């Protein structure tokens, strides 16, 4: 019975995830040599294919920002989830700007 309740609960939670278009990557930090792109942490509730598309969108945004400086491309280096409140947070992905 617990197994079915757990599956039902996870299905309900996954259904509550906002559509992909609600996740707009934002630049939270840029210093010429690196750029940090962030999205709401509820993006973790997206399907695997939507998370993959979101990561691609974040990569494109990082490339765009790095090209404004001296670099030609952005290379992903790390990711961290930061709490912004009791029930909220952001996912931050760090990219290095390379020539």
C-alpha atoms as a PDB file:
ATOM      1  CA  UNK A   1       0.000   0.000   0.000  1.00  0.00           C
ATOM      2  CA  UNK A   2       2.852   2.391   0.848  1.00  0.00           C
ATOM      3  CA  UNK A   3       4.367   1.752  -2.572  1.00  0.00           C
ATOM      4  CA  UNK A   4       1.172   2.834  -4.344  1.00  0.00           C
ATOM      5  CA  UNK A   5       0.776   5.895  -2.144  1.00  0.00           C
ATOM      6  CA  UNK A   6       4.360   6.923  -2.855  1.00  0.00           C
ATOM      7  CA  UNK A   7       3.880   6.514  -6.601  1.00  0.00           C
ATOM      8  CA  UNK A   8       0.603   8.455  -6.441  1.00  0.00           C
ATOM      9  CA  UNK A   9       2.244  11.235  -4.432  1.00  0.00           C
ATOM     10  CA  UNK A  10       5.155  11.530  -6.866  1.00  0.00           C
ATOM     11  CA  UNK A  11       2.751  11.615  -9.802  1.00  0.00           C
ATOM     12  CA  UNK A  12       0.804  14.467  -8.203  1.00  0.00           C
ATOM     13  CA  UNK A  13       4.006  16.395  -7.440  1.00  0.00           C
ATOM     14  CA  UNK A  14       5.286  15.937 -11.009  1.00  0.00           C
ATOM     15  CA  UNK A  15       1.972  17.133 -12.393  1.00  0.00           C
ATOM     16  CA  UNK A  16       2.316  20.322 -10.337  1.00  0.00           C
ATOM     17  CA  UNK A  17       5.517  21.348 -12.103  1.00  0.00           C
ATOM     18  CA  UNK A  18       5.099  24.462 -14.196  1.00  0.00           C
ATOM     19  CA  UNK A  19       5.483  24.192 -17.973  1.00  0.00           C
ATOM     20  CA  UNK A  20       8.961  24.646 -19.421  1.00  0.00           C
ATOM     21  CA  UNK A  21       8.190  28.106 -20.829  1.00  0.00           C
ATOM     22  CA  UNK A  22       7.752  29.404 -17.248  1.00  0.00           C
ATOM     23  CA  UNK A  23      11.461  28.861 -16.556  1.00  0.00           C
ATOM     24  CA  UNK A  24      13.387  31.807 -17.957  1.00  0.00           C
ATOM     25  CA  UNK A  25      17.155  31.668 -17.327  1.00  0.00           C
ATOM     26  CA  UNK A  26      18.530  34.840 -15.774  1.00  0.00           C
ATOM     27  CA  UNK A  27      22.106  36.073 -15.484  1.00  0.00           C
ATOM     28  CA  UNK A  28      22.913  36.402 -11.805  1.00  0.00           C
ATOM     29  CA  UNK A  29      26.623  37.168 -12.101  1.00  0.00           C
ATOM     30  CA  UNK A  30      29.103  38.063 -14.833  1.00  0.00           C
ATOM     31  CA  UNK A  31      32.705  39.224 -14.528  1.00  0.00           C
ATOM     32  CA  UNK A  32      34.113  38.780 -18.043  1.00  0.00           C
ATOM     33  CA  UNK A  33      35.742  35.432 -17.261  1.00  0.00           C
ATOM     34  CA  UNK A  34      32.674  33.576 -15.993  1.00  0.00           C
ATOM     35  CA  UNK A  35      28.906  33.851 -15.972  1.00  0.00           C
ATOM     36  CA  UNK A  36      26.330  32.371 -13.604  1.00  0.00           C
ATOM     37  CA  UNK A  37      22.873  31.566 -14.962  1.00  0.00           C
ATOM     38  CA  UNK A  38      20.004  30.782 -12.607  1.00  0.00           C
ATOM     39  CA  UNK A  39      16.468  29.379 -12.739  1.00  0.00           C
ATOM     40  CA  UNK A  40      13.891  28.519 -10.096  1.00  0.00           C
ATOM     41  CA  UNK A  41      14.702  25.288  -8.236  1.00  0.00           C
ATOM     42  CA  UNK A  42      11.285  23.818  -9.026  1.00  0.00           C
ATOM     43  CA  UNK A  43      12.809  23.075 -12.447  1.00  0.00           C
ATOM     44  CA  UNK A  44      13.991  19.848 -10.778  1.00  0.00           C
ATOM     45  CA  UNK A  45      10.368  18.682 -11.032  1.00  0.00           C
ATOM     46  CA  UNK A  46      10.395  18.892 -14.833  1.00  0.00           C
ATOM     47  CA  UNK A  47      10.609  15.781 -16.980  1.00  0.00           C
ATOM     48  CA  UNK A  48      14.060  14.647 -18.052  1.00  0.00           C
ATOM     49  CA  UNK A  49      13.553  15.933 -21.607  1.00  0.00           C
ATOM     50  CA  UNK A  50      12.350  19.346 -20.359  1.00  0.00           C
ATOM     51  CA  UNK A  51      15.318  19.612 -17.973  1.00  0.00           C
ATOM     52  CA  UNK A  52      17.613  18.830 -20.896  1.00  0.00           C
ATOM     53  CA  UNK A  53      15.977  21.575 -22.994  1.00  0.00           C
ATOM     54  CA  UNK A  54      16.292  24.008 -20.083  1.00  0.00           C
ATOM     55  CA  UNK A  55      20.003  23.233 -19.745  1.00  0.00           C
ATOM     56  CA  UNK A  56      20.442  23.882 -23.471  1.00  0.00           C
ATOM     57  CA  UNK A  57      18.639  27.216 -23.076  1.00  0.00           C
ATOM     58  CA  UNK A  58      20.918  28.113 -20.158  1.00  0.00           C
ATOM     59  CA  UNK A  59      23.965  27.195 -22.279  1.00  0.00           C
ATOM     60  CA  UNK A  60      22.750  29.452 -25.109  1.00  0.00           C
ATOM     61  CA  UNK A  61      22.217  32.318 -22.651  1.00  0.00           C
ATOM     62  CA  UNK A  62      25.742  31.820 -21.234  1.00  0.00           C
ATOM     63  CA  UNK A  63      27.216  31.796 -24.767  1.00  0.00           C
ATOM     64  CA  UNK A  64      25.365  35.019 -25.566  1.00  0.00           C
ATOM     65  CA  UNK A  65      26.676  36.777 -22.452  1.00  0.00           C
ATOM     66  CA  UNK A  66      30.271  35.544 -22.908  1.00  0.00           C
ATOM     67  CA  UNK A  67      30.334  36.800 -26.508  1.00  0.00           C
ATOM     68  CA  UNK A  68      29.613  40.311 -25.249  1.00  0.00           C
ATOM     69  CA  UNK A  69      33.062  40.313 -23.664  1.00  0.00           C
ATOM     70  CA  UNK A  70      36.380  39.008 -24.956  1.00  0.00           C
ATOM     71  CA  UNK A  71      35.362  35.320 -25.104  1.00  0.00           C
ATOM     72  CA  UNK A  72      33.790  33.273 -27.883  1.00  0.00           C
ATOM     73  CA  UNK A  73      32.011  30.540 -25.950  1.00  0.00           C
ATOM     74  CA  UNK A  74      30.864  29.404 -22.520  1.00  0.00           C
ATOM     75  CA  UNK A  75      31.810  26.072 -20.986  1.00  0.00           C
ATOM     76  CA  UNK A  76      29.726  24.565 -18.174  1.00  0.00           C
ATOM     77  CA  UNK A  77      31.688  23.926 -14.966  1.00  0.00           C
ATOM     78  CA  UNK A  78      29.357  23.399 -12.014  1.00  0.00           C
ATOM     79  CA  UNK A  79      25.857  23.617 -10.588  1.00  0.00           C
ATOM     80  CA  UNK A  80      24.539  24.448  -7.132  1.00  0.00           C
ATOM     81  CA  UNK A  81      21.058  24.760  -5.673  1.00  0.00           C
ATOM     82  CA  UNK A  82      20.730  27.662  -3.238  1.00  0.00           C
ATOM     83  CA  UNK A  83      17.898  28.179  -0.791  1.00  0.00           C
ATOM     84  CA  UNK A  84      16.208  31.573  -1.031  1.00  0.00           C
ATOM     85  CA  UNK A  85      13.624  30.915   1.661  1.00  0.00           C
ATOM     86  CA  UNK A  86      11.922  28.117   3.531  1.00  0.00           C
ATOM     87  CA  UNK A  87      10.301  26.579   0.452  1.00  0.00           C
ATOM     88  CA  UNK A  88      12.046  28.350  -2.417  1.00  0.00           C
ATOM     89  CA  UNK A  89      15.418  28.222  -4.098  1.00  0.00           C
ATOM     90  CA  UNK A  90      17.363  28.724  -7.304  1.00  0.00           C
ATOM     91  CA  UNK A  91      19.569  26.507  -9.412  1.00  0.00           C
ATOM     92  CA  UNK A  92      22.780  28.291 -10.405  1.00  0.00           C
ATOM     93  CA  UNK A  93      24.975  26.973 -13.202  1.00  0.00           C
ATOM     94  CA  UNK A  94      28.483  28.406 -13.543  1.00  0.00           C
ATOM     95  CA  UNK A  95      30.065  28.735 -16.990  1.00  0.00           C
ATOM     96  CA  UNK A  96      33.609  29.789 -17.853  1.00  0.00           C
ATOM     97  CA  UNK A  97      33.995  32.201 -20.755  1.00  0.00           C
ATOM     98  CA  UNK A  98      36.664  30.799 -23.095  1.00  0.00           C
ATOM     99  CA  UNK A  99      38.303  32.033 -26.305  1.00  0.00           C
END
